[in-house]
Amino acid sequence: MPPAPLLLLPPSEGKASGGEGLMLDFEALSFAGLNATRALMAKSLDQLSGKPRVAQKTLGVKGVALEKARTDNASLLDSPTMPAIERYTGVMYDAIDYKSLDESAKTCFGESTIIMSGLFGMVRPYDMIPTYKLKMGARLRRKKACSAIWKPLISKTLKSTAENGVIWDLLPNEHSAAWDPSAVTYDVRYTVKFLELGSDGQMRTINHWSKLLKGALIRHIVSNPDAAGSSDSALDLLTEFSHPEGYQFDGDMTSEVDGATALVFLKRG
């Protein structure tokens, strides 16, 4: 049996409020080696909440959204928590629709998924976290982006976590900057692009709907973990995947880019 695939996902801008879990416990989070930096990031975020102008620039929001972000960040260590898979909302996570997965797929998702976070570095779907506001590209400490702060730590952690397996790298550029693939040993790393061939013959990259499309693909991957975890069968698995919006895997457009196998899903207009 091949090892489980490793899925690298971004968090979401939107986050559910509230929670029924106890306050944040760093020691209970996955990847304990990140805890010292997590504590420093949390402290900096708390201090930032008392500086409205700096917070606006750093967090990238204003008005009501800024006030909510400052309140959430100021109470970071005292707020109730909930599992990350419930905390993170938005188009991709709605499309994953975790609660509707069967038990086997839920288990695979929980064991295989790592969610990158500007605040926590990396979390697993079941890690209990509070609501907060912090982008991976934000310059929180010493004028360094969160991605730059986390990069050596995440790369070191992933080096042991990847275990020469299959990585499904579904990160946007902002979060890709938080790790160094060349420092990690893996069998194959897949990235994904969605293209549309218009009636005029022009090929266009789909950005607006990419989160929705990735969510559907993630469901397919975790529902077929044995195939998704093997480089010998992963591409065959993709030929079985047809997105409701009409995007299909095009093996002829597969290419090698910066050490990754770039997969293309194409919709013909």
C-alpha atoms as a PDB file:
ATOM      1  CA  MET A   1       0.000   0.000   0.000  1.00  0.00           C
ATOM      2  CA  PRO A   2       1.473   3.404  -0.983  1.00  0.00           C
ATOM      3  CA  PRO A   3       1.845   6.114   1.669  1.00  0.00           C
ATOM      4  CA  ALA A   4      -0.950   8.629   2.004  1.00  0.00           C
ATOM      5  CA  PRO A   5      -0.637  11.674  -0.264  1.00  0.00           C
ATOM      6  CA  LEU A   6       0.419  14.969   1.297  1.00  0.00           C
ATOM      7  CA  LEU A   7      -1.856  17.909   0.487  1.00  0.00           C
ATOM      8  CA  LEU A   8      -0.585  21.449   1.004  1.00  0.00           C
ATOM      9  CA  LEU A   9      -3.454  23.936   1.210  1.00  0.00           C
ATOM     10  CA  PRO A  10      -3.794  27.639   1.967  1.00  0.00           C
ATOM     11  CA  PRO A  11      -6.103  28.852   4.739  1.00  0.00           C
ATOM     12  CA  SER A  12      -9.002  31.126   3.900  1.00  0.00           C
ATOM     13  CA  GLU A  13      -9.446  34.853   4.289  1.00  0.00           C
ATOM     14  CA  GLY A  14     -12.856  34.204   5.815  1.00  0.00           C
ATOM     15  CA  LYS A  15     -13.024  32.510   9.191  1.00  0.00           C
ATOM     16  CA  ALA A  16     -15.952  31.280  11.225  1.00  0.00           C
ATOM     17  CA  SER A  17     -16.559  33.102  14.498  1.00  0.00           C
ATOM     18  CA  GLY A  18     -16.904  31.609  17.949  1.00  0.00           C
ATOM     19  CA  GLY A  19     -16.124  28.033  18.873  1.00  0.00           C
ATOM     20  CA  GLU A  20     -16.784  25.519  21.611  1.00  0.00           C
ATOM     21  CA  GLY A  21     -13.192  24.525  22.301  1.00  0.00           C
ATOM     22  CA  LEU A  22     -11.016  25.797  25.142  1.00  0.00           C
ATOM     23  CA  MET A  23      -8.568  28.644  24.638  1.00  0.00           C
ATOM     24  CA  LEU A  24      -5.557  28.220  22.391  1.00  0.00           C
ATOM     25  CA  ASP A  25      -3.022  25.644  23.580  1.00  0.00           C
ATOM     26  CA  PHE A  26       0.166  25.708  21.529  1.00  0.00           C
ATOM     27  CA  GLU A  27       1.266  22.377  22.982  1.00  0.00           C
ATOM     28  CA  ALA A  28      -1.838  20.699  21.577  1.00  0.00           C
ATOM     29  CA  LEU A  29      -1.137  21.832  17.995  1.00  0.00           C
ATOM     30  CA  SER A  30       0.604  19.676  15.418  1.00  0.00           C
ATOM     31  CA  PHE A  31       4.275  20.337  14.613  1.00  0.00           C
ATOM     32  CA  ALA A  32       5.510  21.231  18.089  1.00  0.00           C
ATOM     33  CA  GLY A  33       8.795  22.508  16.679  1.00  0.00           C
ATOM     34  CA  LEU A  34       6.945  25.600  15.463  1.00  0.00           C
ATOM     35  CA  ASN A  35       5.620  26.567  18.902  1.00  0.00           C
ATOM     36  CA  ALA A  36       8.329  29.042  19.914  1.00  0.00           C
ATOM     37  CA  THR A  37       7.777  31.068  16.743  1.00  0.00           C
ATOM     38  CA  ARG A  38       4.010  30.717  17.048  1.00  0.00           C
ATOM     39  CA  ALA A  39       4.173  32.326  20.487  1.00  0.00           C
ATOM     40  CA  LEU A  40       6.255  35.218  19.141  1.00  0.00           C
ATOM     41  CA  MET A  41       3.864  35.736  16.225  1.00  0.00           C
ATOM     42  CA  ALA A  42       0.880  35.737  18.579  1.00  0.00           C
ATOM     43  CA  LYS A  43       2.574  38.288  20.838  1.00  0.00           C
ATOM     44  CA  SER A  44       3.345  40.556  17.872  1.00  0.00           C
ATOM     45  CA  LEU A  45      -0.218  40.254  16.615  1.00  0.00           C
ATOM     46  CA  ASP A  46      -1.579  41.198  20.031  1.00  0.00           C
ATOM     47  CA  GLN A  47       0.693  44.265  20.152  1.00  0.00           C
ATOM     48  CA  LEU A  48      -0.340  45.211  16.637  1.00  0.00           C
ATOM     49  CA  SER A  49      -4.002  45.300  17.646  1.00  0.00           C
ATOM     50  CA  GLY A  50      -3.322  48.408  19.763  1.00  0.00           C
ATOM     51  CA  LYS A  51      -1.937  50.371  16.807  1.00  0.00           C
ATOM     52  CA  PRO A  52      -4.827  51.150  14.427  1.00  0.00           C
ATOM     53  CA  ARG A  53      -2.792  52.709  11.607  1.00  0.00           C
ATOM     54  CA  VAL A  54      -0.084  50.073  11.642  1.00  0.00           C
ATOM     55  CA  ALA A  55      -2.722  47.341  11.910  1.00  0.00           C
ATOM     56  CA  GLN A  56      -4.545  48.699   8.860  1.00  0.00           C
ATOM     57  CA  LYS A  57      -1.368  48.616   6.789  1.00  0.00           C
ATOM     58  CA  THR A  58      -0.239  45.222   8.041  1.00  0.00           C
ATOM     59  CA  LEU A  59      -3.570  43.423   7.929  1.00  0.00           C
ATOM     60  CA  GLY A  60      -4.800  44.984   4.686  1.00  0.00           C
ATOM     61  CA  VAL A  61      -8.306  45.822   5.904  1.00  0.00           C
ATOM     62  CA  LYS A  62     -10.072  48.941   7.119  1.00  0.00           C
ATOM     63  CA  GLY A  63     -13.323  50.142   8.645  1.00  0.00           C
ATOM     64  CA  VAL A  64     -15.506  47.532  10.307  1.00  0.00           C
ATOM     65  CA  ALA A  65     -13.272  44.717   9.068  1.00  0.00           C
ATOM     66  CA  LEU A  66     -10.236  46.340  10.692  1.00  0.00           C
ATOM     67  CA  GLU A  67     -11.992  46.747  14.032  1.00  0.00           C
ATOM     68  CA  LYS A  68     -13.078  43.115  13.998  1.00  0.00           C
ATOM     69  CA  ALA A  69      -9.550  42.000  13.084  1.00  0.00           C
ATOM     70  CA  ARG A  70      -8.033  44.060  15.907  1.00  0.00           C
ATOM     71  CA  THR A  71     -10.548  42.663  18.402  1.00  0.00           C
ATOM     72  CA  ASP A  72      -9.961  39.082  17.273  1.00  0.00           C
ATOM     73  CA  ASN A  73      -6.182  39.449  17.367  1.00  0.00           C
ATOM     74  CA  ALA A  74      -6.208  41.147  20.775  1.00  0.00           C
ATOM     75  CA  SER A  75      -8.123  38.221  22.292  1.00  0.00           C
ATOM     76  CA  LEU A  76      -6.197  35.536  20.449  1.00  0.00           C
ATOM     77  CA  LEU A  77      -5.035  33.679  23.557  1.00  0.00           C
ATOM     78  CA  ASP A  78      -8.380  33.874  25.357  1.00  0.00           C
ATOM     79  CA  SER A  79     -10.852  33.132  22.561  1.00  0.00           C
ATOM     80  CA  PRO A  80     -12.684  29.831  22.136  1.00  0.00           C
ATOM     81  CA  THR A  81     -11.295  27.497  19.518  1.00  0.00           C
ATOM     82  CA  MET A  82     -12.618  25.124  16.878  1.00  0.00           C
ATOM     83  CA  PRO A  83     -10.987  22.669  14.449  1.00  0.00           C
ATOM     84  CA  ALA A  84      -9.150  24.408  11.620  1.00  0.00           C
ATOM     85  CA  ILE A  85     -11.329  22.648   9.036  1.00  0.00           C
ATOM     86  CA  GLU A  86     -14.354  24.361  10.602  1.00  0.00           C
ATOM     87  CA  ARG A  87     -12.597  27.670  11.269  1.00  0.00           C
ATOM     88  CA  TYR A  88     -11.516  28.195   7.677  1.00  0.00           C
ATOM     89  CA  THR A  89     -14.398  29.068   5.388  1.00  0.00           C
ATOM     90  CA  GLY A  90     -14.586  30.337   1.847  1.00  0.00           C
ATOM     91  CA  VAL A  91     -15.003  29.006  -1.672  1.00  0.00           C
ATOM     92  CA  MET A  92     -12.401  26.222  -1.606  1.00  0.00           C
ATOM     93  CA  TYR A  93     -13.429  24.901   1.782  1.00  0.00           C
ATOM     94  CA  ASP A  94     -17.110  25.066   0.851  1.00  0.00           C
ATOM     95  CA  ALA A  95     -16.289  23.026  -2.257  1.00  0.00           C
ATOM     96  CA  ILE A  96     -14.363  20.461  -0.194  1.00  0.00           C
ATOM     97  CA  ASP A  97     -17.506  20.163   1.963  1.00  0.00           C
ATOM     98  CA  TYR A  98     -15.651  18.141   4.569  1.00  0.00           C
ATOM     99  CA  LYS A  99     -18.752  17.130   6.531  1.00  0.00           C
ATOM    100  CA  SER A 100     -20.240  15.334   3.516  1.00  0.00           C
ATOM    101  CA  LEU A 101     -17.140  13.156   2.922  1.00  0.00           C
ATOM    102  CA  ASP A 102     -17.408   9.499   3.890  1.00  0.00           C
ATOM    103  CA  GLU A 103     -15.444   8.341   6.919  1.00  0.00           C
ATOM    104  CA  SER A 104     -12.533   6.989   4.889  1.00  0.00           C
ATOM    105  CA  ALA A 105     -12.134  10.254   2.992  1.00  0.00           C
ATOM    106  CA  LYS A 106     -12.401  12.254   6.225  1.00  0.00           C
ATOM    107  CA  THR A 107      -9.624  10.169   7.739  1.00  0.00           C
ATOM    108  CA  CYS A 108      -7.429  10.692   4.696  1.00  0.00           C
ATOM    109  CA  PHE A 109      -8.108  14.418   4.692  1.00  0.00           C
ATOM    110  CA  GLY A 110      -7.263  14.724   8.377  1.00  0.00           C
ATOM    111  CA  GLU A 111      -4.049  12.711   8.132  1.00  0.00           C
ATOM    112  CA  SER A 112      -2.843  14.007   4.755  1.00  0.00           C
ATOM    113  CA  THR A 113      -3.604  17.719   4.805  1.00  0.00           C
ATOM    114  CA  ILE A 114      -1.381  20.546   5.980  1.00  0.00           C
ATOM    115  CA  ILE A 115      -2.798  24.069   5.984  1.00  0.00           C
ATOM    116  CA  MET A 116      -0.278  26.891   5.763  1.00  0.00           C
ATOM    117  CA  SER A 117      -0.894  29.814   8.134  1.00  0.00           C
ATOM    118  CA  GLY A 118       0.722  33.197   8.583  1.00  0.00           C
ATOM    119  CA  LEU A 119       0.158  32.913  12.324  1.00  0.00           C
ATOM    120  CA  PHE A 120       0.725  29.218  13.044  1.00  0.00           C
ATOM    121  CA  GLY A 121       3.059  28.231  10.215  1.00  0.00           C
ATOM    122  CA  MET A 122       1.273  24.957   9.559  1.00  0.00           C
ATOM    123  CA  VAL A 123      -1.739  23.263  11.117  1.00  0.00           C
ATOM    124  CA  ARG A 124      -3.608  20.035  10.587  1.00  0.00           C
ATOM    125  CA  PRO A 125      -7.370  20.119   9.902  1.00  0.00           C
ATOM    126  CA  TYR A 126      -8.217  18.949  13.432  1.00  0.00           C
ATOM    127  CA  ASP A 127      -5.991  21.419  15.277  1.00  0.00           C
ATOM    128  CA  MET A 128      -8.038  23.680  17.552  1.00  0.00           C
ATOM    129  CA  ILE A 129      -7.471  27.337  16.665  1.00  0.00           C
ATOM    130  CA  PRO A 130      -9.159  30.690  17.435  1.00  0.00           C
ATOM    131  CA  THR A 131     -10.274  33.221  14.866  1.00  0.00           C
ATOM    132  CA  TYR A 132      -7.581  35.683  13.776  1.00  0.00           C
ATOM    133  CA  LYS A 133      -6.498  37.918  10.917  1.00  0.00           C
ATOM    134  CA  LEU A 134      -3.030  37.635   9.395  1.00  0.00           C
ATOM    135  CA  LYS A 135      -1.959  37.040   5.802  1.00  0.00           C
ATOM    136  CA  MET A 136       1.123  35.017   4.948  1.00  0.00           C
ATOM    137  CA  GLY A 137       2.515  38.003   3.079  1.00  0.00           C
ATOM    138  CA  ALA A 138       2.037  40.442   5.965  1.00  0.00           C
ATOM    139  CA  ARG A 139       5.167  42.012   7.497  1.00  0.00           C
ATOM    140  CA  LEU A 140       4.599  41.359  11.168  1.00  0.00           C
ATOM    141  CA  ARG A 141       8.029  41.054  12.794  1.00  0.00           C
ATOM    142  CA  ARG A 142      11.206  43.016  11.970  1.00  0.00           C
ATOM    143  CA  LYS A 143       9.653  44.086   8.656  1.00  0.00           C
ATOM    144  CA  LYS A 144       9.877  40.506   7.389  1.00  0.00           C
ATOM    145  CA  ALA A 145       6.940  38.816   5.671  1.00  0.00           C
ATOM    146  CA  CYS A 146       5.424  35.926   7.600  1.00  0.00           C
ATOM    147  CA  SER A 147       6.421  33.651   4.719  1.00  0.00           C
ATOM    148  CA  ALA A 148      10.093  34.599   5.172  1.00  0.00           C
ATOM    149  CA  ILE A 149       9.897  34.012   8.916  1.00  0.00           C
ATOM    150  CA  TRP A 150       8.324  30.591   8.487  1.00  0.00           C
ATOM    151  CA  LYS A 151      10.268  29.374   5.450  1.00  0.00           C
ATOM    152  CA  PRO A 152      13.254  27.702   7.171  1.00  0.00           C
ATOM    153  CA  LEU A 153      11.068  26.157   9.877  1.00  0.00           C
ATOM    154  CA  ILE A 154       8.383  24.867   7.512  1.00  0.00           C
ATOM    155  CA  SER A 155      10.972  23.513   5.082  1.00  0.00           C
ATOM    156  CA  LYS A 156      12.728  21.635   7.874  1.00  0.00           C
ATOM    157  CA  THR A 157       9.434  20.206   9.148  1.00  0.00           C
ATOM    158  CA  LEU A 158       8.230  19.159   5.712  1.00  0.00           C
ATOM    159  CA  LYS A 159      11.548  17.444   5.026  1.00  0.00           C
ATOM    160  CA  SER A 160      10.607  14.760   7.532  1.00  0.00           C
ATOM    161  CA  THR A 161       6.849  14.878   6.914  1.00  0.00           C
ATOM    162  CA  ALA A 162       6.979  14.361   3.131  1.00  0.00           C
ATOM    163  CA  GLU A 163       8.815  11.021   3.536  1.00  0.00           C
ATOM    164  CA  ASN A 164       9.637  10.614  -0.174  1.00  0.00           C
ATOM    165  CA  GLY A 165       5.944  10.557  -1.003  1.00  0.00           C
ATOM    166  CA  VAL A 166       3.568  12.352  -3.331  1.00  0.00           C
ATOM    167  CA  ILE A 167       2.913  16.024  -2.621  1.00  0.00           C
ATOM    168  CA  TRP A 168      -0.165  17.752  -3.999  1.00  0.00           C
ATOM    169  CA  ASP A 169       0.934  21.370  -3.840  1.00  0.00           C
ATOM    170  CA  LEU A 170      -2.219  23.466  -4.124  1.00  0.00           C
ATOM    171  CA  LEU A 171      -0.725  26.619  -2.632  1.00  0.00           C
ATOM    172  CA  PRO A 172      -1.039  30.082  -4.194  1.00  0.00           C
ATOM    173  CA  ASN A 173       2.171  32.076  -4.660  1.00  0.00           C
ATOM    174  CA  GLU A 174       1.854  33.911  -1.338  1.00  0.00           C
ATOM    175  CA  HIS A 175       1.926  30.632   0.589  1.00  0.00           C
ATOM    176  CA  SER A 176       4.373  28.855  -1.720  1.00  0.00           C
ATOM    177  CA  ALA A 177       6.914  31.446  -0.542  1.00  0.00           C
ATOM    178  CA  ALA A 178       6.742  29.917   2.954  1.00  0.00           C
ATOM    179  CA  TRP A 179       8.688  26.764   2.062  1.00  0.00           C
ATOM    180  CA  ASP A 180      11.581  25.609  -0.083  1.00  0.00           C
ATOM    181  CA  PRO A 181      10.752  22.514  -2.157  1.00  0.00           C
ATOM    182  CA  SER A 182      14.452  21.983  -2.931  1.00  0.00           C
ATOM    183  CA  ALA A 183      15.032  21.308   0.775  1.00  0.00           C
ATOM    184  CA  VAL A 184      12.403  18.547   0.843  1.00  0.00           C
ATOM    185  CA  THR A 185      12.834  15.013  -0.486  1.00  0.00           C
ATOM    186  CA  TYR A 186       9.733  13.744  -2.281  1.00  0.00           C
ATOM    187  CA  ASP A 187       8.831  11.285  -5.008  1.00  0.00           C
ATOM    188  CA  VAL A 188       6.830  13.769  -7.047  1.00  0.00           C
ATOM    189  CA  ARG A 189       5.228  17.149  -6.433  1.00  0.00           C
ATOM    190  CA  TYR A 190       2.125  18.071  -8.372  1.00  0.00           C
ATOM    191  CA  THR A 191       0.903  21.598  -8.968  1.00  0.00           C
ATOM    192  CA  VAL A 192      -2.380  22.397 -10.665  1.00  0.00           C
ATOM    193  CA  LYS A 193      -3.561  24.923 -13.219  1.00  0.00           C
ATOM    194  CA  PHE A 194      -7.023  25.390 -14.699  1.00  0.00           C
ATOM    195  CA  LEU A 195      -7.255  26.682 -18.265  1.00  0.00           C
ATOM    196  CA  GLU A 196     -10.114  27.521 -20.579  1.00  0.00           C
ATOM    197  CA  LEU A 197      -9.917  27.323 -24.354  1.00  0.00           C
ATOM    198  CA  GLY A 198     -12.183  30.013 -25.752  1.00  0.00           C
ATOM    199  CA  SER A 199     -14.107  29.871 -28.990  1.00  0.00           C
ATOM    200  CA  ASP A 200     -11.522  32.303 -30.372  1.00  0.00           C
ATOM    201  CA  GLY A 201      -8.803  29.701 -29.836  1.00  0.00           C
ATOM    202  CA  GLN A 202      -7.154  31.643 -27.010  1.00  0.00           C
ATOM    203  CA  MET A 203      -6.067  29.826 -23.856  1.00  0.00           C
ATOM    204  CA  ARG A 204      -6.891  31.616 -20.602  1.00  0.00           C
ATOM    205  CA  THR A 205      -5.829  30.846 -17.047  1.00  0.00           C
ATOM    206  CA  ILE A 206      -8.785  30.622 -14.696  1.00  0.00           C
ATOM    207  CA  ASN A 207      -8.100  32.448 -11.441  1.00  0.00           C
ATOM    208  CA  HIS A 208     -11.517  33.522 -10.193  1.00  0.00           C
ATOM    209  CA  TRP A 209     -12.909  29.977 -10.090  1.00  0.00           C
ATOM    210  CA  SER A 210      -9.684  28.185  -9.164  1.00  0.00           C
ATOM    211  CA  LYS A 211     -10.618  27.834  -5.491  1.00  0.00           C
ATOM    212  CA  LEU A 212     -13.906  26.147  -6.392  1.00  0.00           C
ATOM    213  CA  LEU A 213     -12.154  23.851  -8.834  1.00  0.00           C
ATOM    214  CA  LYS A 214      -9.395  22.961  -6.356  1.00  0.00           C
ATOM    215  CA  GLY A 215     -11.997  22.090  -3.729  1.00  0.00           C
ATOM    216  CA  ALA A 216     -13.610  19.547  -6.051  1.00  0.00           C
ATOM    217  CA  LEU A 217     -10.210  18.088  -6.909  1.00  0.00           C
ATOM    218  CA  ILE A 218      -9.297  17.747  -3.223  1.00  0.00           C
ATOM    219  CA  ARG A 219     -12.477  15.751  -2.626  1.00  0.00           C
ATOM    220  CA  HIS A 220     -11.447  13.409  -5.443  1.00  0.00           C
ATOM    221  CA  ILE A 221      -7.916  12.999  -4.064  1.00  0.00           C
ATOM    222  CA  VAL A 222      -8.921  12.179  -0.474  1.00  0.00           C
ATOM    223  CA  SER A 223     -11.631   9.828  -1.722  1.00  0.00           C
ATOM    224  CA  ASN A 224      -8.954   7.839  -3.579  1.00  0.00           C
ATOM    225  CA  PRO A 225      -5.914   7.977  -1.276  1.00  0.00           C
ATOM    226  CA  ASP A 226      -4.136   4.849  -2.529  1.00  0.00           C
ATOM    227  CA  ALA A 227      -4.065   6.082  -6.128  1.00  0.00           C
ATOM    228  CA  ALA A 228      -3.342   9.701  -5.104  1.00  0.00           C
ATOM    229  CA  GLY A 229      -0.423   8.588  -2.936  1.00  0.00           C
ATOM    230  CA  SER A 230       1.422   6.792  -5.728  1.00  0.00           C
ATOM    231  CA  SER A 231       3.212   8.459  -8.630  1.00  0.00           C
ATOM    232  CA  ASP A 232       2.451   5.338 -10.679  1.00  0.00           C
ATOM    233  CA  SER A 233      -1.310   5.774 -10.431  1.00  0.00           C
ATOM    234  CA  ALA A 234      -1.924   9.448  -9.653  1.00  0.00           C
ATOM    235  CA  LEU A 235      -2.250  10.531 -13.266  1.00  0.00           C
ATOM    236  CA  ASP A 236      -4.615   7.639 -14.022  1.00  0.00           C
ATOM    237  CA  LEU A 237      -6.721   8.836 -11.122  1.00  0.00           C
ATOM    238  CA  LEU A 238      -6.982  12.268 -12.707  1.00  0.00           C
ATOM    239  CA  THR A 239      -8.332  10.879 -15.965  1.00  0.00           C
ATOM    240  CA  GLU A 240     -11.303   9.661 -13.939  1.00  0.00           C
ATOM    241  CA  PHE A 241     -11.937  13.152 -12.591  1.00  0.00           C
ATOM    242  CA  SER A 242     -14.418  15.356 -14.401  1.00  0.00           C
ATOM    243  CA  HIS A 243     -15.391  18.593 -12.751  1.00  0.00           C
ATOM    244  CA  PRO A 244     -19.079  19.565 -12.924  1.00  0.00           C
ATOM    245  CA  GLU A 245     -18.032  22.786 -14.650  1.00  0.00           C
ATOM    246  CA  GLY A 246     -16.475  20.800 -17.482  1.00  0.00           C
ATOM    247  CA  TYR A 247     -12.747  20.908 -16.634  1.00  0.00           C
ATOM    248  CA  GLN A 248     -10.880  17.705 -17.462  1.00  0.00           C
ATOM    249  CA  PHE A 249      -7.301  16.594 -16.998  1.00  0.00           C
ATOM    250  CA  ASP A 250      -5.220  17.037 -20.154  1.00  0.00           C
ATOM    251  CA  GLY A 251      -2.181  14.774 -19.908  1.00  0.00           C
ATOM    252  CA  ASP A 252      -0.689  16.161 -23.107  1.00  0.00           C
ATOM    253  CA  MET A 253      -0.263  19.538 -21.425  1.00  0.00           C
ATOM    254  CA  THR A 254       1.591  18.158 -18.404  1.00  0.00           C
ATOM    255  CA  SER A 255       5.034  19.711 -17.996  1.00  0.00           C
ATOM    256  CA  GLU A 256       7.900  19.936 -15.528  1.00  0.00           C
ATOM    257  CA  VAL A 257       8.246  23.371 -13.921  1.00  0.00           C
ATOM    258  CA  ASP A 258      10.769  24.187 -11.178  1.00  0.00           C
ATOM    259  CA  GLY A 259      10.957  20.616  -9.937  1.00  0.00           C
ATOM    260  CA  ALA A 260       7.206  20.066  -9.974  1.00  0.00           C
ATOM    261  CA  THR A 261       4.907  18.238 -12.342  1.00  0.00           C
ATOM    262  CA  ALA A 262       2.478  20.916 -13.508  1.00  0.00           C
ATOM    263  CA  LEU A 263      -0.936  19.413 -14.214  1.00  0.00           C
ATOM    264  CA  VAL A 264      -3.453  21.147 -16.437  1.00  0.00           C
ATOM    265  CA  PHE A 265      -7.218  20.850 -16.298  1.00  0.00           C
ATOM    266  CA  LEU A 266      -8.784  22.206 -19.468  1.00  0.00           C
ATOM    267  CA  LYS A 267     -12.251  23.363 -20.363  1.00  0.00           C
ATOM    268  CA  ARG A 268     -13.003  23.765 -24.019  1.00  0.00           C
ATOM    269  CA  GLY A 269     -15.404  26.573 -24.820  1.00  0.00           C
END
